[in-house]
Protein backbone atom coordinates (compact mmCIF):
# COMPACT_ATOMS: atom_id res chain seq x y z
CA MET A 1 -26.54 159.19 15.09
CA ALA A 2 -23.09 160.00 13.72
CA PRO A 3 -20.22 157.81 14.91
CA ARG A 4 -18.23 159.17 17.81
CA ARG A 5 -14.80 160.44 16.90
CA ARG A 6 -11.83 159.16 18.85
CA ARG A 7 -9.07 161.52 19.75
CA PRO A 8 -5.62 160.42 18.64
CA ILE A 9 -3.42 159.01 21.41
CA THR A 10 -0.34 161.13 21.70
CA THR A 11 2.95 159.41 22.54
CA LEU A 12 5.90 161.29 24.03
CA ARG A 13 9.25 159.59 23.49
CA VAL A 14 11.61 159.96 26.43
CA TYR A 15 15.17 158.67 26.63
CA THR A 16 17.06 157.69 29.80
CA ILE A 17 20.73 157.20 30.37
CA HIS A 18 21.60 154.79 33.22
CA ARG A 19 24.95 153.70 34.56
CA ASP A 20 25.68 150.21 35.94
CA ARG A 21 22.33 148.62 34.98
CA ALA A 22 22.09 144.87 35.57
CA GLY A 23 24.22 143.10 33.03
CA HIS A 24 26.11 146.26 32.03
CA ALA A 25 28.43 147.03 34.94
CA GLY A 26 30.55 150.16 34.43
CA ARG A 27 28.71 150.97 31.17
CA PHE A 28 26.00 153.46 30.16
CA VAL A 29 22.64 152.19 28.93
CA VAL A 30 20.47 154.40 26.70
CA ARG A 31 16.78 153.35 26.61
CA ALA A 32 13.74 154.80 24.85
CA TRP A 33 10.41 155.03 26.66
CA ALA A 34 6.92 155.63 25.24
CA VAL A 35 4.85 157.92 27.48
CA ARG A 36 1.14 157.77 26.78
CA PRO A 37 -1.99 158.73 28.69
CA ASN A 38 -2.40 155.12 29.78
CA GLY A 39 1.14 154.69 31.11
CA VAL A 40 4.86 154.52 30.49
CA ARG A 41 6.41 151.57 28.66
CA PRO A 42 9.89 150.79 27.53
CA THR A 43 10.46 150.42 23.85
CA GLY A 44 12.74 147.86 22.31
CA ALA A 45 15.43 150.48 21.72
CA VAL A 46 18.35 149.86 24.04
CA ARG A 47 21.96 150.83 23.31
CA VAL A 48 25.09 150.58 25.44
CA ALA A 49 28.13 152.86 25.55
CA ASP A 50 31.43 153.04 27.48
CA THR A 51 31.27 156.74 28.37
CA LEU A 52 28.56 159.31 29.13
CA ASP A 53 29.62 161.31 26.06
CA GLU A 54 29.28 158.23 23.83
CA ALA A 55 25.84 157.57 25.33
CA ARG A 56 24.73 161.12 24.66
CA ALA A 57 25.93 160.71 21.05
CA LEU A 58 23.48 157.78 20.69
CA LEU A 59 20.47 160.03 21.40
CA PRO A 60 18.40 161.31 18.48
CA ALA A 61 19.17 164.90 17.41
CA GLY A 62 17.09 167.68 18.75
CA LEU A 63 16.41 166.37 22.26
CA GLU A 64 16.65 168.49 25.38
CA PRO A 65 17.50 167.44 28.94
CA ALA A 66 14.39 166.88 31.04
CA SER A 67 15.64 168.02 34.42
CA ASP A 68 12.11 168.21 35.75
CA ILE A 69 11.64 164.40 35.64
CA ARG A 70 12.64 162.79 38.96
CA SER A 71 13.41 159.21 39.80
CA ASP A 72 14.41 157.19 42.84
CA ASP A 73 16.47 154.88 40.59
CA PRO A 74 20.08 155.40 41.72
CA THR A 75 21.40 154.20 38.29
CA LEU A 76 19.56 156.99 36.35
CA ILE A 77 22.04 159.63 35.18
CA GLU A 78 19.93 161.74 32.72
CA THR A 79 16.55 161.95 31.06
CA TRP A 80 16.03 163.52 27.64
CA ARG A 81 12.92 164.45 25.62
């Protein structure tokens, strides 16, 4: 019997911008997340900015706002993918 092929696991990278996260009062925190079929996990990529425009400038080129992603987190400002 031939070995069974595994499908590659696809990872979607999502970025969030938060304001006033713990330890960063009054600042914007940009964080990358890895979204996979088995769950969502934060990556080690975290950057901090003083303004929303500076935070957006830290995002990788080519991303689009993900307005269809909802969260109950009151510190979440934007999500990009």
